[in-house]
């Protein structure tokens, strides 16, 4: 009898990077490690100005135009030019 993923027990934290989550990549079930996922997240965060590629988008919170606020920007497709979604979030009036 198979078990649904939602029926699995919660992982013990902190994770150490050797855990093996199952992913769907290009329509196929594959395995990876939690360290691979952490490495991907770090590489995307380290270079936000890189175009994400055709059919993809990335969104980031950065410092807003007004000190003490935040701005949501996006990169889409093959463009490395950011588009401002919203600016000066979190500032008092």
C-alpha atoms as a PDB file:
ATOM      1  CA  UNK A   1       0.000   0.000   0.000  1.00  0.00           C
ATOM      2  CA  UNK A   2       1.389   3.408  -0.895  1.00  0.00           C
ATOM      3  CA  UNK A   3       1.417   6.443   1.384  1.00  0.00           C
ATOM      4  CA  UNK A   4       0.497   9.937   0.237  1.00  0.00           C
ATOM      5  CA  UNK A   5       3.200  12.557   0.801  1.00  0.00           C
ATOM      6  CA  UNK A   6       0.817  14.377   3.149  1.00  0.00           C
ATOM      7  CA  UNK A   7       0.814  11.244   5.300  1.00  0.00           C
ATOM      8  CA  UNK A   8       4.570  11.308   5.902  1.00  0.00           C
ATOM      9  CA  UNK A   9       5.854  12.518   9.283  1.00  0.00           C
ATOM     10  CA  UNK A  10       7.418  15.988   9.511  1.00  0.00           C
ATOM     11  CA  UNK A  11      11.190  16.197   9.057  1.00  0.00           C
ATOM     12  CA  UNK A  12      13.422  16.809  12.038  1.00  0.00           C
ATOM     13  CA  UNK A  13      15.006  20.235  11.808  1.00  0.00           C
ATOM     14  CA  UNK A  14      17.420  21.719  11.168  1.00  0.00           C
ATOM     15  CA  UNK A  15      17.964  19.976   7.847  1.00  0.00           C
ATOM     16  CA  UNK A  16      21.582  19.010   7.124  1.00  0.00           C
ATOM     17  CA  UNK A  17      21.541  19.072   3.323  1.00  0.00           C
ATOM     18  CA  UNK A  18      21.631  15.307   2.800  1.00  0.00           C
ATOM     19  CA  UNK A  19      17.849  14.817   2.761  1.00  0.00           C
ATOM     20  CA  UNK A  20      16.435  13.608  -0.558  1.00  0.00           C
ATOM     21  CA  UNK A  21      13.228  15.330  -1.674  1.00  0.00           C
ATOM     22  CA  UNK A  22      11.386  14.108  -4.744  1.00  0.00           C
ATOM     23  CA  UNK A  23      10.871  16.759  -7.436  1.00  0.00           C
ATOM     24  CA  UNK A  24       9.186  17.029 -10.809  1.00  0.00           C
ATOM     25  CA  UNK A  25      11.628  18.181 -13.507  1.00  0.00           C
ATOM     26  CA  UNK A  26      10.467  18.497 -17.107  1.00  0.00           C
ATOM     27  CA  UNK A  27       7.489  16.277 -16.322  1.00  0.00           C
ATOM     28  CA  UNK A  28       9.504  13.458 -14.716  1.00  0.00           C
ATOM     29  CA  UNK A  29       9.852  12.504 -11.052  1.00  0.00           C
ATOM     30  CA  UNK A  30      13.480  12.960  -9.973  1.00  0.00           C
ATOM     31  CA  UNK A  31      15.419  13.103  -6.722  1.00  0.00           C
ATOM     32  CA  UNK A  32      17.766  15.800  -5.485  1.00  0.00           C
ATOM     33  CA  UNK A  33      19.130  16.898  -2.115  1.00  0.00           C
ATOM     34  CA  UNK A  34      18.092  19.733   0.133  1.00  0.00           C
ATOM     35  CA  UNK A  35      21.628  21.124  -0.353  1.00  0.00           C
ATOM     36  CA  UNK A  36      21.031  21.301  -4.129  1.00  0.00           C
ATOM     37  CA  UNK A  37      17.901  23.351  -3.476  1.00  0.00           C
ATOM     38  CA  UNK A  38      19.758  25.614  -1.033  1.00  0.00           C
ATOM     39  CA  UNK A  39      22.540  26.125  -3.603  1.00  0.00           C
ATOM     40  CA  UNK A  40      19.999  27.089  -6.264  1.00  0.00           C
ATOM     41  CA  UNK A  41      18.312  29.582  -3.949  1.00  0.00           C
ATOM     42  CA  UNK A  42      21.672  31.133  -3.047  1.00  0.00           C
ATOM     43  CA  UNK A  43      22.725  31.464  -6.683  1.00  0.00           C
ATOM     44  CA  UNK A  44      19.463  33.160  -7.643  1.00  0.00           C
ATOM     45  CA  UNK A  45      19.654  35.557  -4.710  1.00  0.00           C
ATOM     46  CA  UNK A  46      23.303  36.389  -5.406  1.00  0.00           C
ATOM     47  CA  UNK A  47      22.645  37.496  -8.996  1.00  0.00           C
ATOM     48  CA  UNK A  48      19.169  39.017  -9.213  1.00  0.00           C
ATOM     49  CA  UNK A  49      19.988  41.106 -12.296  1.00  0.00           C
ATOM     50  CA  UNK A  50      20.356  38.098 -14.555  1.00  0.00           C
ATOM     51  CA  UNK A  51      17.590  37.470 -17.063  1.00  0.00           C
ATOM     52  CA  UNK A  52      15.630  34.384 -15.923  1.00  0.00           C
ATOM     53  CA  UNK A  53      15.126  33.030 -19.447  1.00  0.00           C
ATOM     54  CA  UNK A  54      12.263  32.761 -21.894  1.00  0.00           C
ATOM     55  CA  UNK A  55       8.926  32.036 -20.243  1.00  0.00           C
ATOM     56  CA  UNK A  56      10.238  32.688 -16.717  1.00  0.00           C
ATOM     57  CA  UNK A  57      10.215  35.532 -14.208  1.00  0.00           C
ATOM     58  CA  UNK A  58      11.865  36.438 -10.899  1.00  0.00           C
ATOM     59  CA  UNK A  59      10.643  38.876  -8.284  1.00  0.00           C
ATOM     60  CA  UNK A  60      12.724  40.459  -5.521  1.00  0.00           C
ATOM     61  CA  UNK A  61      12.220  42.851  -2.640  1.00  0.00           C
ATOM     62  CA  UNK A  62      14.912  45.540  -2.576  1.00  0.00           C
ATOM     63  CA  UNK A  63      15.376  48.845  -0.751  1.00  0.00           C
ATOM     64  CA  UNK A  64      12.700  51.361  -1.720  1.00  0.00           C
ATOM     65  CA  UNK A  65      13.269  54.809  -3.173  1.00  0.00           C
ATOM     66  CA  UNK A  66      12.303  56.393   0.149  1.00  0.00           C
ATOM     67  CA  UNK A  67      14.634  55.413   3.022  1.00  0.00           C
ATOM     68  CA  UNK A  68      13.094  52.790   5.308  1.00  0.00           C
ATOM     69  CA  UNK A  69      10.788  51.355   2.639  1.00  0.00           C
ATOM     70  CA  UNK A  70      10.885  48.404   0.244  1.00  0.00           C
ATOM     71  CA  UNK A  71      10.340  47.999  -3.489  1.00  0.00           C
ATOM     72  CA  UNK A  72       9.189  44.899  -5.368  1.00  0.00           C
ATOM     73  CA  UNK A  73      10.934  44.462  -8.708  1.00  0.00           C
ATOM     74  CA  UNK A  74      10.695  41.795 -11.391  1.00  0.00           C
ATOM     75  CA  UNK A  75      12.884  40.445 -14.166  1.00  0.00           C
ATOM     76  CA  UNK A  76      11.088  38.619 -16.963  1.00  0.00           C
ATOM     77  CA  UNK A  77      12.108  36.582 -19.968  1.00  0.00           C
ATOM     78  CA  UNK A  78      15.448  37.452 -21.507  1.00  0.00           C
ATOM     79  CA  UNK A  79      15.527  41.020 -20.174  1.00  0.00           C
ATOM     80  CA  UNK A  80      18.019  42.002 -17.478  1.00  0.00           C
ATOM     81  CA  UNK A  81      16.191  45.312 -16.924  1.00  0.00           C
ATOM     82  CA  UNK A  82      14.151  45.382 -13.701  1.00  0.00           C
ATOM     83  CA  UNK A  83      10.518  46.455 -13.723  1.00  0.00           C
ATOM     84  CA  UNK A  84       9.171  48.101 -10.570  1.00  0.00           C
ATOM     85  CA  UNK A  85       5.958  46.470  -9.381  1.00  0.00           C
ATOM     86  CA  UNK A  86       5.449  48.611  -6.272  1.00  0.00           C
ATOM     87  CA  UNK A  87       7.718  51.098  -4.476  1.00  0.00           C
ATOM     88  CA  UNK A  88       7.929  52.692  -1.017  1.00  0.00           C
ATOM     89  CA  UNK A  89       6.139  49.853   0.794  1.00  0.00           C
ATOM     90  CA  UNK A  90       6.201  50.107   4.558  1.00  0.00           C
ATOM     91  CA  UNK A  91       6.779  53.841   4.870  1.00  0.00           C
ATOM     92  CA  UNK A  92       4.721  55.921   7.237  1.00  0.00           C
ATOM     93  CA  UNK A  93       2.481  58.663   5.895  1.00  0.00           C
END
